[in-house]
Each structure stands twice: as structure tokens, then as C-alpha cells.
Amino acid sequence: MKNIKKISRKYIRCGLAICLAVLIFFATFLVSCNTQKKYLNDGITIVSSFYPIHLFTEVVTHNVDGIKLVDLTPPSIGCIHDYSLLPADIIQLNSTSLFIVNGGGMESFIDKAIKELPDLRIITASRGIDFLTSNGRLNPHVWMSPDFAAKEVQNIANSLSEFDPIHASIYQKNSEQFLVKIDLLKASISEKLKSVTNRNIITFHAAFDYFAHDFSLNIVSLIENDPDNSPSPSMISEIIDLGKKNNVSALFTEAQYPSDIAAIIANEIGAKTFELDPIVSPKLSSVYVDIPQDEYFMRMEKNADILKNALGG
């Protein structure tokens, strides 16, 4: 009899523990659902880390009501390799529904953001992409590959569809339309560059590695391995030697960085300098407004035109 009572108490305790666990699970589930419902009822505030991610998120959310899209960093920043979070950034992220980042090391501040805001919902647009490396580090400039731009748009669309299933069909439709345009873009760039014979080039930094990889251009050297540190005299001499050895006829700079060193190198090897667009800031504005839906395609086509002209295609 005593054994029966012990067994009964044991099962009662076990049953209570199971009931408690179930209650905790459903309470957590309801809080999560209510929180998400609140976000959806109040509208969705999305913070993008910098311009390319802003651009792709705007494409995906086109014609979706209730979306407020803001960028964490100002347009003048360009690439955000060494950006540090400001107190105002933490406040902004704390009130956002979603934070969309590029990944691959571009947002070096991401660990601090997670530490400060452990409940922050983060979408990594480059998820599933095989990164190239540059100077021993992952090269995060994946949006300069049309295929990887498409992958980032797909990742954003899928994540938003999961978070906001009411508008999933619009997110997916916008993503599919972008993918169709990507195929046309690749065909157009390939056609423009098909007659280029000397494909050896020098670029300012690693922003164009993915573009070069996709369209069979050979970057024989970078002017700056680290955009924040100018090359030493010995490095400049090495770049000049590589340029001469590989018969480089064109060097490519970027608007956000000074071009004086590139001009010196070009003069020494008998080449010309041209400016390519890494698409890291709005082209015609200092703010993120009135960005055309075809902005990415127009600027990539312009890069192809510049390359064709520079390389004699």
C-alpha cells in the first residue's frame, strides 16, 4: 500500500511538472505571437545596415503597406567596414521590428548589437553565399555579383514572408521579378564585355572581386588592401611592376576614396584611370528617398559601359 502511494505521488509530481512545462510553453508562444501581432498591427519598422541592403529591402517591400524602412548608417558612409555603433543607433535598433544586415564581416559591430539587444531580430541577407576571400578575410561585397544580389533579395523576401505571412505573396512576387531582371542584366553585361581581349585590371579595393569573377575579368592587384590605410612606397612599386608585367591599360577608382595614388600608378605604367561604382550610397541624393526600383540594374549597366569603354570592348 505504501509503495502504491509512493508511486502515485511520483506520477502526480511528474504530471504537475509536465503541466507546468506545457503552460510555460504556451505562455511563451502567446507572448511571442502577441509581440509579432503588435508589430504587424502597428506597422513594421525595418532597419537596414547600409545602402545595398536598403536598396534590396526596398525592392522586396515595394507596394507593401505599413512598412517603414530606415537605414542605420548615413548615405555618406559608403562601405561600413569600420563603422562603430552610436548610442542613437542602439536606441533605434531597440525600437525596430527587424534589422537586416549584409553579413560576411561587413557589419563588424554586429556582436555589440547582439550583446546590447539580445532579442533583436536579425536577417542576414548573405546567408548561404560562398564568400571569396581578400587579404585573408571574407570579402563581403557580394551584392556586386548579380547572382549573389539575387540570393540576397531571395533571403530577404523569404525572411519577411515568414515574419509577415499576410504580405508573403507580395514579397515573393517582388523577389521573382527581381530575379527575372537579374538574368537580363547578366546577359547584357556579358554581351557588352564579350569583345574585350585584355581583361587584366587594377581596382582600388576588393569591392569588384565578385563582379570580376562573374564576368571573367582578372584583377592583378588592388591599390589598397585596406581602404583605411594607404599603400606604402614599396607596395606602390610592386603594383606598378604588376601593372607593367600584365599589360594593364586601365585602373579603376571609386568616388568615395581619393584617386591621387591611382593616378600616379597609372602614369607610371602608361594606363588611364576610370571610376567604377560600388553601389554603396545613393547616386543622386544624400538621403534615402525616391530611389528608382531599377536603381541596381541601371548602375550595374553603367559599370559595364565604363569597363567596355576603358578596355576597348
C-alpha atoms as a PDB file:
ATOM      1  CA  MET A   1       0.000   0.000   0.000  1.00  0.00           C
ATOM      2  CA  LYS A   2       2.811   2.363   0.906  1.00  0.00           C
ATOM      3  CA  ASN A   3       4.509   1.539  -2.392  1.00  0.00           C
ATOM      4  CA  ILE A   4       1.308   2.356  -4.260  1.00  0.00           C
ATOM      5  CA  LYS A   5       1.086   5.744  -2.503  1.00  0.00           C
ATOM      6  CA  LYS A   6       4.730   6.481  -3.370  1.00  0.00           C
ATOM      7  CA  ILE A   7       4.131   5.593  -6.992  1.00  0.00           C
ATOM      8  CA  SER A   8       1.004   7.754  -7.046  1.00  0.00           C
ATOM      9  CA  ARG A   9       2.835  10.736  -5.609  1.00  0.00           C
ATOM     10  CA  LYS A  10       5.611  10.204  -8.150  1.00  0.00           C
ATOM     11  CA  TYR A  11       3.170  10.264 -11.068  1.00  0.00           C
ATOM     12  CA  ILE A  12       1.353  13.251  -9.618  1.00  0.00           C
ATOM     13  CA  ARG A  13       4.613  15.184  -9.376  1.00  0.00           C
ATOM     14  CA  CYS A  14       5.528  14.112 -12.887  1.00  0.00           C
ATOM     15  CA  GLY A  15       2.123  15.173 -14.172  1.00  0.00           C
ATOM     16  CA  LEU A  16       2.365  18.541 -12.485  1.00  0.00           C
ATOM     17  CA  ALA A  17       5.819  19.088 -13.967  1.00  0.00           C
ATOM     18  CA  ILE A  18       4.512  18.270 -17.445  1.00  0.00           C
ATOM     19  CA  CYS A  19       1.529  20.584 -16.998  1.00  0.00           C
ATOM     20  CA  LEU A  20       3.816  23.365 -15.805  1.00  0.00           C
ATOM     21  CA  ALA A  21       6.119  22.889 -18.792  1.00  0.00           C
ATOM     22  CA  VAL A  22       3.146  22.972 -21.182  1.00  0.00           C
ATOM     23  CA  LEU A  23       1.814  26.148 -19.539  1.00  0.00           C
ATOM     24  CA  ILE A  24       5.217  27.836 -19.810  1.00  0.00           C
ATOM     25  CA  PHE A  25       5.478  26.817 -23.477  1.00  0.00           C
ATOM     26  CA  PHE A  26       2.066  28.224 -24.373  1.00  0.00           C
ATOM     27  CA  ALA A  27       2.659  31.372 -22.348  1.00  0.00           C
ATOM     28  CA  THR A  28       5.908  31.977 -24.216  1.00  0.00           C
ATOM     29  CA  PHE A  29       4.201  31.179 -27.513  1.00  0.00           C
ATOM     30  CA  LEU A  30       1.348  33.596 -26.819  1.00  0.00           C
ATOM     31  CA  VAL A  31       3.753  36.372 -25.789  1.00  0.00           C
ATOM     32  CA  SER A  32       5.705  35.812 -28.993  1.00  0.00           C
ATOM     33  CA  CYS A  33       2.533  35.822 -31.084  1.00  0.00           C
ATOM     34  CA  ASN A  34       1.173  38.893 -29.360  1.00  0.00           C
ATOM     35  CA  THR A  35       4.507  40.692 -29.828  1.00  0.00           C
ATOM     36  CA  GLN A  36       4.559  39.824 -33.503  1.00  0.00           C
ATOM     37  CA  LYS A  37       0.882  40.752 -33.836  1.00  0.00           C
ATOM     38  CA  LYS A  38       1.659  44.115 -32.257  1.00  0.00           C
ATOM     39  CA  TYR A  39       4.445  44.677 -34.773  1.00  0.00           C
ATOM     40  CA  LEU A  40       2.120  43.810 -37.643  1.00  0.00           C
ATOM     41  CA  ASN A  41      -0.761  45.922 -36.308  1.00  0.00           C
ATOM     42  CA  ASP A  42       1.473  48.929 -35.672  1.00  0.00           C
ATOM     43  CA  GLY A  43       3.345  48.524 -38.955  1.00  0.00           C
ATOM     44  CA  ILE A  44       6.758  47.011 -39.484  1.00  0.00           C
ATOM     45  CA  THR A  45       9.843  49.102 -38.912  1.00  0.00           C
ATOM     46  CA  ILE A  46      12.848  47.678 -40.733  1.00  0.00           C
ATOM     47  CA  VAL A  47      16.373  48.959 -40.212  1.00  0.00           C
ATOM     48  CA  SER A  48      18.917  48.125 -42.915  1.00  0.00           C
ATOM     49  CA  SER A  49      22.610  48.276 -42.116  1.00  0.00           C
ATOM     50  CA  PHE A  50      23.665  50.291 -45.184  1.00  0.00           C
ATOM     51  CA  TYR A  51      22.688  51.264 -48.707  1.00  0.00           C
ATOM     52  CA  PRO A  52      22.864  47.989 -50.713  1.00  0.00           C
ATOM     53  CA  ILE A  53      20.718  46.247 -48.108  1.00  0.00           C
ATOM     54  CA  HIS A  54      18.367  49.230 -48.030  1.00  0.00           C
ATOM     55  CA  LEU A  55      18.108  49.046 -51.810  1.00  0.00           C
ATOM     56  CA  PHE A  56      17.277  45.329 -51.871  1.00  0.00           C
ATOM     57  CA  THR A  57      14.823  45.603 -48.983  1.00  0.00           C
ATOM     58  CA  GLU A  58      13.035  48.430 -50.762  1.00  0.00           C
ATOM     59  CA  VAL A  59      12.713  46.199 -53.820  1.00  0.00           C
ATOM     60  CA  VAL A  60      11.223  43.362 -51.753  1.00  0.00           C
ATOM     61  CA  THR A  61       8.794  45.573 -49.799  1.00  0.00           C
ATOM     62  CA  HIS A  62       7.556  47.523 -52.818  1.00  0.00           C
ATOM     63  CA  ASN A  63       3.760  48.033 -52.653  1.00  0.00           C
ATOM     64  CA  VAL A  64       3.500  46.637 -49.110  1.00  0.00           C
ATOM     65  CA  ASP A  65       1.547  48.927 -46.801  1.00  0.00           C
ATOM     66  CA  GLY A  66       2.733  49.615 -43.276  1.00  0.00           C
ATOM     67  CA  ILE A  67       6.462  49.252 -43.923  1.00  0.00           C
ATOM     68  CA  LYS A  68       8.812  51.857 -42.522  1.00  0.00           C
ATOM     69  CA  LEU A  69      12.314  51.335 -43.915  1.00  0.00           C
ATOM     70  CA  VAL A  70      15.200  53.286 -42.423  1.00  0.00           C
ATOM     71  CA  ASP A  71      18.951  52.932 -42.701  1.00  0.00           C
ATOM     72  CA  LEU A  72      21.258  52.641 -39.720  1.00  0.00           C
ATOM     73  CA  THR A  73      24.144  54.483 -41.332  1.00  0.00           C
ATOM     74  CA  PRO A  74      24.076  57.802 -43.222  1.00  0.00           C
ATOM     75  CA  PRO A  75      24.484  57.766 -47.028  1.00  0.00           C
ATOM     76  CA  SER A  76      27.910  59.419 -46.844  1.00  0.00           C
ATOM     77  CA  ILE A  77      29.426  56.422 -45.009  1.00  0.00           C
ATOM     78  CA  GLY A  78      29.577  54.154 -48.061  1.00  0.00           C
ATOM     79  CA  CYS A  79      31.165  50.826 -47.076  1.00  0.00           C
ATOM     80  CA  ILE A  80      30.815  50.346 -43.339  1.00  0.00           C
ATOM     81  CA  HIS A  81      33.789  48.087 -42.613  1.00  0.00           C
ATOM     82  CA  ASP A  82      34.854  50.056 -39.540  1.00  0.00           C
ATOM     83  CA  TYR A  83      31.589  51.688 -38.508  1.00  0.00           C
ATOM     84  CA  SER A  84      31.020  51.843 -34.748  1.00  0.00           C
ATOM     85  CA  LEU A  85      27.566  51.888 -33.215  1.00  0.00           C
ATOM     86  CA  LEU A  86      26.480  55.170 -31.663  1.00  0.00           C
ATOM     87  CA  PRO A  87      24.140  55.417 -28.656  1.00  0.00           C
ATOM     88  CA  ALA A  88      21.460  56.693 -31.045  1.00  0.00           C
ATOM     89  CA  ASP A  89      21.892  53.530 -33.145  1.00  0.00           C
ATOM     90  CA  ILE A  90      21.191  51.301 -30.143  1.00  0.00           C
ATOM     91  CA  ILE A  91      18.048  53.312 -29.383  1.00  0.00           C
ATOM     92  CA  GLN A  92      16.922  52.972 -32.986  1.00  0.00           C
ATOM     93  CA  LEU A  93      17.592  49.232 -33.117  1.00  0.00           C
ATOM     94  CA  ASN A  94      15.778  48.723 -29.823  1.00  0.00           C
ATOM     95  CA  SER A  95      12.561  50.033 -31.366  1.00  0.00           C
ATOM     96  CA  THR A  96      12.790  48.191 -34.684  1.00  0.00           C
ATOM     97  CA  SER A  97      10.887  45.113 -35.814  1.00  0.00           C
ATOM     98  CA  LEU A  98      13.727  43.712 -37.910  1.00  0.00           C
ATOM     99  CA  PHE A  99      17.361  44.510 -38.566  1.00  0.00           C
ATOM    100  CA  ILE A 100      18.637  43.415 -41.986  1.00  0.00           C
ATOM    101  CA  VAL A 101      22.388  43.118 -42.485  1.00  0.00           C
ATOM    102  CA  ASN A 102      24.682  42.055 -45.297  1.00  0.00           C
ATOM    103  CA  GLY A 103      26.938  39.766 -43.251  1.00  0.00           C
ATOM    104  CA  GLY A 104      30.322  38.362 -44.205  1.00  0.00           C
ATOM    105  CA  GLY A 105      32.097  40.749 -41.847  1.00  0.00           C
ATOM    106  CA  MET A 106      30.720  43.949 -43.356  1.00  0.00           C
ATOM    107  CA  GLU A 107      28.971  44.869 -40.098  1.00  0.00           C
ATOM    108  CA  SER A 108      31.848  44.480 -37.658  1.00  0.00           C
ATOM    109  CA  PHE A 109      29.628  45.975 -34.960  1.00  0.00           C
ATOM    110  CA  ILE A 110      27.078  43.147 -35.089  1.00  0.00           C
ATOM    111  CA  ASP A 111      28.384  41.385 -31.966  1.00  0.00           C
ATOM    112  CA  LYS A 112      27.967  44.564 -29.946  1.00  0.00           C
ATOM    113  CA  ALA A 113      24.419  44.964 -31.239  1.00  0.00           C
ATOM    114  CA  ILE A 114      23.566  41.401 -30.195  1.00  0.00           C
ATOM    115  CA  LYS A 115      25.157  41.898 -26.784  1.00  0.00           C
ATOM    116  CA  GLU A 116      23.268  45.134 -26.169  1.00  0.00           C
ATOM    117  CA  LEU A 117      19.996  43.850 -27.645  1.00  0.00           C
ATOM    118  CA  PRO A 118      19.816  40.045 -27.306  1.00  0.00           C
ATOM    119  CA  ASP A 119      16.183  39.965 -28.539  1.00  0.00           C
ATOM    120  CA  LEU A 120      16.949  41.895 -31.728  1.00  0.00           C
ATOM    121  CA  ARG A 121      15.568  40.116 -34.799  1.00  0.00           C
ATOM    122  CA  ILE A 122      18.344  39.980 -37.404  1.00  0.00           C
ATOM    123  CA  ILE A 123      18.084  38.890 -41.046  1.00  0.00           C
ATOM    124  CA  THR A 124      21.419  38.125 -42.716  1.00  0.00           C
ATOM    125  CA  ALA A 125      20.944  38.744 -46.424  1.00  0.00           C
ATOM    126  CA  SER A 126      24.070  36.827 -47.480  1.00  0.00           C
ATOM    127  CA  ARG A 127      23.024  33.582 -45.781  1.00  0.00           C
ATOM    128  CA  GLY A 128      24.078  30.596 -47.906  1.00  0.00           C
ATOM    129  CA  ILE A 129      26.524  32.528 -50.097  1.00  0.00           C
ATOM    130  CA  ASP A 130      30.054  31.199 -50.635  1.00  0.00           C
ATOM    131  CA  PHE A 131      32.297  34.188 -49.958  1.00  0.00           C
ATOM    132  CA  LEU A 132      35.505  34.991 -51.754  1.00  0.00           C
ATOM    133  CA  THR A 133      38.437  35.979 -49.569  1.00  0.00           C
ATOM    134  CA  SER A 134      40.623  39.055 -49.815  1.00  0.00           C
ATOM    135  CA  ASN A 135      43.788  39.625 -47.837  1.00  0.00           C
ATOM    136  CA  GLY A 136      42.953  36.648 -45.619  1.00  0.00           C
ATOM    137  CA  ARG A 137      39.438  37.848 -44.772  1.00  0.00           C
ATOM    138  CA  LEU A 138      35.960  37.195 -46.127  1.00  0.00           C
ATOM    139  CA  ASN A 139      35.061  39.637 -48.870  1.00  0.00           C
ATOM    140  CA  PRO A 140      31.568  40.942 -48.018  1.00  0.00           C
ATOM    141  CA  HIS A 141      30.908  42.847 -51.293  1.00  0.00           C
ATOM    142  CA  VAL A 142      28.623  40.097 -52.599  1.00  0.00           C
ATOM    143  CA  TRP A 143      25.967  42.471 -53.987  1.00  0.00           C
ATOM    144  CA  MET A 144      28.348  43.285 -56.851  1.00  0.00           C
ATOM    145  CA  SER A 145      27.655  39.814 -58.234  1.00  0.00           C
ATOM    146  CA  PRO A 146      24.244  39.734 -59.937  1.00  0.00           C
ATOM    147  CA  ASP A 147      23.714  36.138 -58.829  1.00  0.00           C
ATOM    148  CA  PHE A 148      24.525  36.943 -55.213  1.00  0.00           C
ATOM    149  CA  ALA A 149      22.390  40.085 -55.341  1.00  0.00           C
ATOM    150  CA  ALA A 150      19.544  37.794 -56.372  1.00  0.00           C
ATOM    151  CA  LYS A 151      20.355  35.478 -53.466  1.00  0.00           C
ATOM    152  CA  GLU A 152      20.273  38.367 -51.006  1.00  0.00           C
ATOM    153  CA  VAL A 153      16.903  39.532 -52.336  1.00  0.00           C
ATOM    154  CA  GLN A 154      15.543  35.984 -52.053  1.00  0.00           C
ATOM    155  CA  ASN A 155      16.785  35.683 -48.471  1.00  0.00           C
ATOM    156  CA  ILE A 156      15.183  38.990 -47.520  1.00  0.00           C
ATOM    157  CA  ALA A 157      11.902  38.026 -49.202  1.00  0.00           C
ATOM    158  CA  ASN A 158      11.796  34.620 -47.509  1.00  0.00           C
ATOM    159  CA  SER A 159      12.544  36.057 -44.072  1.00  0.00           C
ATOM    160  CA  LEU A 160       9.944  38.804 -44.437  1.00  0.00           C
ATOM    161  CA  SER A 161       7.391  36.267 -45.677  1.00  0.00           C
ATOM    162  CA  GLU A 162       7.951  34.227 -42.530  1.00  0.00           C
ATOM    163  CA  PHE A 163       7.693  37.265 -40.260  1.00  0.00           C
ATOM    164  CA  ASP A 164       4.748  38.831 -42.084  1.00  0.00           C
ATOM    165  CA  PRO A 165       2.860  35.999 -43.847  1.00  0.00           C
ATOM    166  CA  ILE A 166      -0.067  38.303 -44.672  1.00  0.00           C
ATOM    167  CA  HIS A 167       2.088  40.010 -47.326  1.00  0.00           C
ATOM    168  CA  ALA A 168       4.177  36.969 -48.280  1.00  0.00           C
ATOM    169  CA  SER A 169       2.757  36.816 -51.802  1.00  0.00           C
ATOM    170  CA  ILE A 170       3.865  40.405 -52.483  1.00  0.00           C
ATOM    171  CA  TYR A 171       7.355  39.831 -51.087  1.00  0.00           C
ATOM    172  CA  GLN A 172       7.750  36.712 -53.223  1.00  0.00           C
ATOM    173  CA  LYS A 173       6.360  38.384 -56.348  1.00  0.00           C
ATOM    174  CA  ASN A 174       8.782  41.300 -55.975  1.00  0.00           C
ATOM    175  CA  SER A 175      11.662  38.866 -55.473  1.00  0.00           C
ATOM    176  CA  GLU A 176      10.698  36.841 -58.554  1.00  0.00           C
ATOM    177  CA  GLN A 177      10.532  39.983 -60.696  1.00  0.00           C
ATOM    178  CA  PHE A 178      13.982  40.974 -59.479  1.00  0.00           C
ATOM    179  CA  LEU A 179      15.358  37.554 -60.453  1.00  0.00           C
ATOM    180  CA  VAL A 180      13.988  37.894 -63.987  1.00  0.00           C
ATOM    181  CA  LYS A 181      15.731  41.253 -64.327  1.00  0.00           C
ATOM    182  CA  ILE A 182      18.960  39.733 -62.963  1.00  0.00           C
ATOM    183  CA  ASP A 183      19.035  37.211 -65.809  1.00  0.00           C
ATOM    184  CA  LEU A 184      18.603  40.039 -68.320  1.00  0.00           C
ATOM    185  CA  LEU A 185      21.324  42.053 -66.588  1.00  0.00           C
ATOM    186  CA  LYS A 186      23.823  39.201 -66.743  1.00  0.00           C
ATOM    187  CA  ALA A 187      23.137  38.680 -70.439  1.00  0.00           C
ATOM    188  CA  SER A 188      23.525  42.399 -71.144  1.00  0.00           C
ATOM    189  CA  ILE A 189      26.829  42.757 -69.269  1.00  0.00           C
ATOM    190  CA  SER A 190      28.241  39.611 -70.878  1.00  0.00           C
ATOM    191  CA  GLU A 191      27.317  40.949 -74.309  1.00  0.00           C
ATOM    192  CA  LYS A 192      28.964  44.316 -73.614  1.00  0.00           C
ATOM    193  CA  LEU A 193      32.219  42.729 -72.425  1.00  0.00           C
ATOM    194  CA  LYS A 194      32.452  39.782 -74.810  1.00  0.00           C
ATOM    195  CA  SER A 195      34.855  41.526 -77.227  1.00  0.00           C
ATOM    196  CA  VAL A 196      37.288  42.664 -74.519  1.00  0.00           C
ATOM    197  CA  THR A 197      40.611  40.937 -75.088  1.00  0.00           C
ATOM    198  CA  ASN A 198      42.860  42.369 -72.372  1.00  0.00           C
ATOM    199  CA  ARG A 199      40.969  41.597 -69.161  1.00  0.00           C
ATOM    200  CA  ASN A 200      43.749  42.489 -66.737  1.00  0.00           C
ATOM    201  CA  ILE A 201      42.777  45.392 -64.488  1.00  0.00           C
ATOM    202  CA  ILE A 202      43.731  47.108 -61.244  1.00  0.00           C
ATOM    203  CA  THR A 203      40.969  48.211 -58.857  1.00  0.00           C
ATOM    204  CA  PHE A 204      41.014  50.416 -55.790  1.00  0.00           C
ATOM    205  CA  HIS A 205      39.909  47.811 -53.255  1.00  0.00           C
ATOM    206  CA  ALA A 206      38.087  44.480 -53.141  1.00  0.00           C
ATOM    207  CA  ALA A 207      34.632  45.845 -53.970  1.00  0.00           C
ATOM    208  CA  PHE A 208      34.748  44.471 -57.534  1.00  0.00           C
ATOM    209  CA  ASP A 209      36.131  40.987 -56.912  1.00  0.00           C
ATOM    210  CA  TYR A 210      32.720  39.355 -57.332  1.00  0.00           C
ATOM    211  CA  PHE A 211      31.915  41.314 -60.483  1.00  0.00           C
ATOM    212  CA  ALA A 212      35.308  40.367 -61.926  1.00  0.00           C
ATOM    213  CA  HIS A 213      34.750  36.716 -61.017  1.00  0.00           C
ATOM    214  CA  ASP A 214      31.318  36.637 -62.674  1.00  0.00           C
ATOM    215  CA  PHE A 215      32.462  38.277 -65.913  1.00  0.00           C
ATOM    216  CA  SER A 216      35.965  36.822 -66.299  1.00  0.00           C
ATOM    217  CA  LEU A 217      38.000  39.920 -65.506  1.00  0.00           C
ATOM    218  CA  ASN A 218      41.413  39.475 -63.913  1.00  0.00           C
ATOM    219  CA  ILE A 219      42.237  41.834 -61.052  1.00  0.00           C
ATOM    220  CA  VAL A 220      46.036  41.680 -60.956  1.00  0.00           C
ATOM    221  CA  SER A 221      46.298  43.987 -57.945  1.00  0.00           C
ATOM    222  CA  LEU A 222      44.373  46.175 -55.546  1.00  0.00           C
ATOM    223  CA  ILE A 223      45.590  49.706 -54.848  1.00  0.00           C
ATOM    224  CA  GLU A 224      44.574  49.382 -51.197  1.00  0.00           C
ATOM    225  CA  ASN A 225      44.087  46.045 -49.448  1.00  0.00           C
ATOM    226  CA  ASP A 226      42.661  48.029 -46.550  1.00  0.00           C
ATOM    227  CA  PRO A 227      40.614  51.070 -47.649  1.00  0.00           C
ATOM    228  CA  ASP A 228      41.592  52.933 -44.489  1.00  0.00           C
ATOM    229  CA  ASN A 229      45.350  52.546 -44.987  1.00  0.00           C
ATOM    230  CA  SER A 230      47.222  53.962 -47.965  1.00  0.00           C
ATOM    231  CA  PRO A 231      49.782  51.680 -49.632  1.00  0.00           C
ATOM    232  CA  SER A 232      53.426  52.135 -48.713  1.00  0.00           C
ATOM    233  CA  PRO A 233      56.003  53.226 -51.331  1.00  0.00           C
ATOM    234  CA  SER A 234      57.188  49.622 -51.667  1.00  0.00           C
ATOM    235  CA  MET A 235      53.617  48.438 -52.242  1.00  0.00           C
ATOM    236  CA  ILE A 236      53.078  51.123 -54.883  1.00  0.00           C
ATOM    237  CA  SER A 237      56.261  49.992 -56.611  1.00  0.00           C
ATOM    238  CA  GLU A 238      55.003  46.402 -56.553  1.00  0.00           C
ATOM    239  CA  ILE A 239      51.652  47.438 -58.053  1.00  0.00           C
ATOM    240  CA  ILE A 240      53.457  49.323 -60.822  1.00  0.00           C
ATOM    241  CA  ASP A 241      55.560  46.244 -61.614  1.00  0.00           C
ATOM    242  CA  LEU A 242      52.467  44.027 -61.715  1.00  0.00           C
ATOM    243  CA  GLY A 243      50.692  46.519 -63.956  1.00  0.00           C
ATOM    244  CA  LYS A 244      53.557  46.587 -66.435  1.00  0.00           C
ATOM    245  CA  LYS A 245      54.030  42.813 -66.355  1.00  0.00           C
ATOM    246  CA  ASN A 246      50.331  42.201 -67.063  1.00  0.00           C
ATOM    247  CA  ASN A 247      49.954  44.969 -69.646  1.00  0.00           C
ATOM    248  CA  VAL A 248      47.270  46.725 -67.600  1.00  0.00           C
ATOM    249  CA  SER A 249      45.715  49.583 -69.556  1.00  0.00           C
ATOM    250  CA  ALA A 250      43.093  50.731 -67.056  1.00  0.00           C
ATOM    251  CA  LEU A 251      42.924  51.422 -63.317  1.00  0.00           C
ATOM    252  CA  PHE A 252      39.562  51.794 -61.596  1.00  0.00           C
ATOM    253  CA  THR A 253      38.895  54.106 -58.683  1.00  0.00           C
ATOM    254  CA  GLU A 254      35.807  54.727 -56.537  1.00  0.00           C
ATOM    255  CA  ALA A 255      34.142  58.044 -55.807  1.00  0.00           C
ATOM    256  CA  GLN A 256      34.319  57.658 -52.030  1.00  0.00           C
ATOM    257  CA  TYR A 257      38.119  57.297 -51.998  1.00  0.00           C
ATOM    258  CA  PRO A 258      40.888  59.637 -53.215  1.00  0.00           C
ATOM    259  CA  SER A 259      42.305  58.846 -56.650  1.00  0.00           C
ATOM    260  CA  ASP A 260      45.726  60.513 -56.417  1.00  0.00           C
ATOM    261  CA  ILE A 261      47.657  57.281 -55.837  1.00  0.00           C
ATOM    262  CA  ALA A 262      45.825  55.597 -58.699  1.00  0.00           C
ATOM    263  CA  ALA A 263      46.808  58.489 -60.972  1.00  0.00           C
ATOM    264  CA  ILE A 264      50.478  58.102 -60.009  1.00  0.00           C
ATOM    265  CA  ILE A 265      50.395  54.358 -60.688  1.00  0.00           C
ATOM    266  CA  ALA A 266      48.552  54.814 -63.987  1.00  0.00           C
ATOM    267  CA  ASN A 267      51.100  57.378 -65.143  1.00  0.00           C
ATOM    268  CA  GLU A 268      53.984  55.016 -64.361  1.00  0.00           C
ATOM    269  CA  ILE A 269      52.537  52.084 -66.283  1.00  0.00           C
ATOM    270  CA  GLY A 270      51.099  54.124 -69.143  1.00  0.00           C
ATOM    271  CA  ALA A 271      47.466  53.418 -68.256  1.00  0.00           C
ATOM    272  CA  LYS A 272      44.334  55.518 -67.753  1.00  0.00           C
ATOM    273  CA  THR A 273      42.079  55.828 -64.709  1.00  0.00           C
ATOM    274  CA  PHE A 274      38.324  55.340 -64.702  1.00  0.00           C
ATOM    275  CA  GLU A 275      35.738  55.444 -61.926  1.00  0.00           C
ATOM    276  CA  LEU A 276      33.542  52.459 -61.126  1.00  0.00           C
ATOM    277  CA  ASP A 277      30.503  52.483 -58.863  1.00  0.00           C
ATOM    278  CA  PRO A 278      30.432  50.009 -55.922  1.00  0.00           C
ATOM    279  CA  ILE A 279      26.785  50.957 -55.235  1.00  0.00           C
ATOM    280  CA  VAL A 280      27.308  51.785 -51.569  1.00  0.00           C
ATOM    281  CA  SER A 281      25.405  55.086 -51.448  1.00  0.00           C
ATOM    282  CA  PRO A 282      22.556  56.831 -53.298  1.00  0.00           C
ATOM    283  CA  LYS A 283      23.735  58.095 -56.658  1.00  0.00           C
ATOM    284  CA  LEU A 284      21.937  61.399 -56.938  1.00  0.00           C
ATOM    285  CA  SER A 285      20.847  62.162 -53.395  1.00  0.00           C
ATOM    286  CA  SER A 286      22.197  62.490 -49.884  1.00  0.00           C
ATOM    287  CA  VAL A 287      19.094  60.822 -48.459  1.00  0.00           C
ATOM    288  CA  TYR A 288      17.253  57.552 -48.979  1.00  0.00           C
ATOM    289  CA  VAL A 289      14.232  58.881 -50.843  1.00  0.00           C
ATOM    290  CA  ASP A 290      12.779  58.419 -54.303  1.00  0.00           C
ATOM    291  CA  ILE A 291      15.126  55.555 -55.172  1.00  0.00           C
ATOM    292  CA  PRO A 292      14.087  54.047 -58.545  1.00  0.00           C
ATOM    293  CA  GLN A 293      13.099  50.373 -58.472  1.00  0.00           C
ATOM    294  CA  ASP A 294      15.663  49.715 -61.225  1.00  0.00           C
ATOM    295  CA  GLU A 295      18.473  51.572 -59.435  1.00  0.00           C
ATOM    296  CA  TYR A 296      20.666  48.483 -59.038  1.00  0.00           C
ATOM    297  CA  PHE A 297      20.338  47.487 -62.679  1.00  0.00           C
ATOM    298  CA  MET A 298      20.986  50.966 -64.044  1.00  0.00           C
ATOM    299  CA  ARG A 299      24.156  51.340 -62.017  1.00  0.00           C
ATOM    300  CA  MET A 300      25.472  47.876 -62.853  1.00  0.00           C
ATOM    301  CA  GLU A 301      24.844  48.549 -66.560  1.00  0.00           C
ATOM    302  CA  LYS A 302      26.752  51.821 -66.205  1.00  0.00           C
ATOM    303  CA  ASN A 303      29.703  49.950 -64.705  1.00  0.00           C
ATOM    304  CA  ALA A 304      29.663  47.594 -67.692  1.00  0.00           C
ATOM    305  CA  ASP A 305      29.645  50.564 -70.084  1.00  0.00           C
ATOM    306  CA  ILE A 306      32.639  52.117 -68.296  1.00  0.00           C
ATOM    307  CA  LEU A 307      34.555  48.832 -68.408  1.00  0.00           C
ATOM    308  CA  LYS A 308      33.792  48.348 -72.086  1.00  0.00           C
ATOM    309  CA  ASN A 309      34.997  51.850 -72.900  1.00  0.00           C
ATOM    310  CA  ALA A 310      38.094  51.541 -70.717  1.00  0.00           C
ATOM    311  CA  LEU A 311      39.154  48.127 -72.009  1.00  0.00           C
ATOM    312  CA  GLY A 312      38.347  48.718 -75.670  1.00  0.00           C
ATOM    313  CA  GLY A 313      35.496  46.272 -75.953  1.00  0.00           C
END
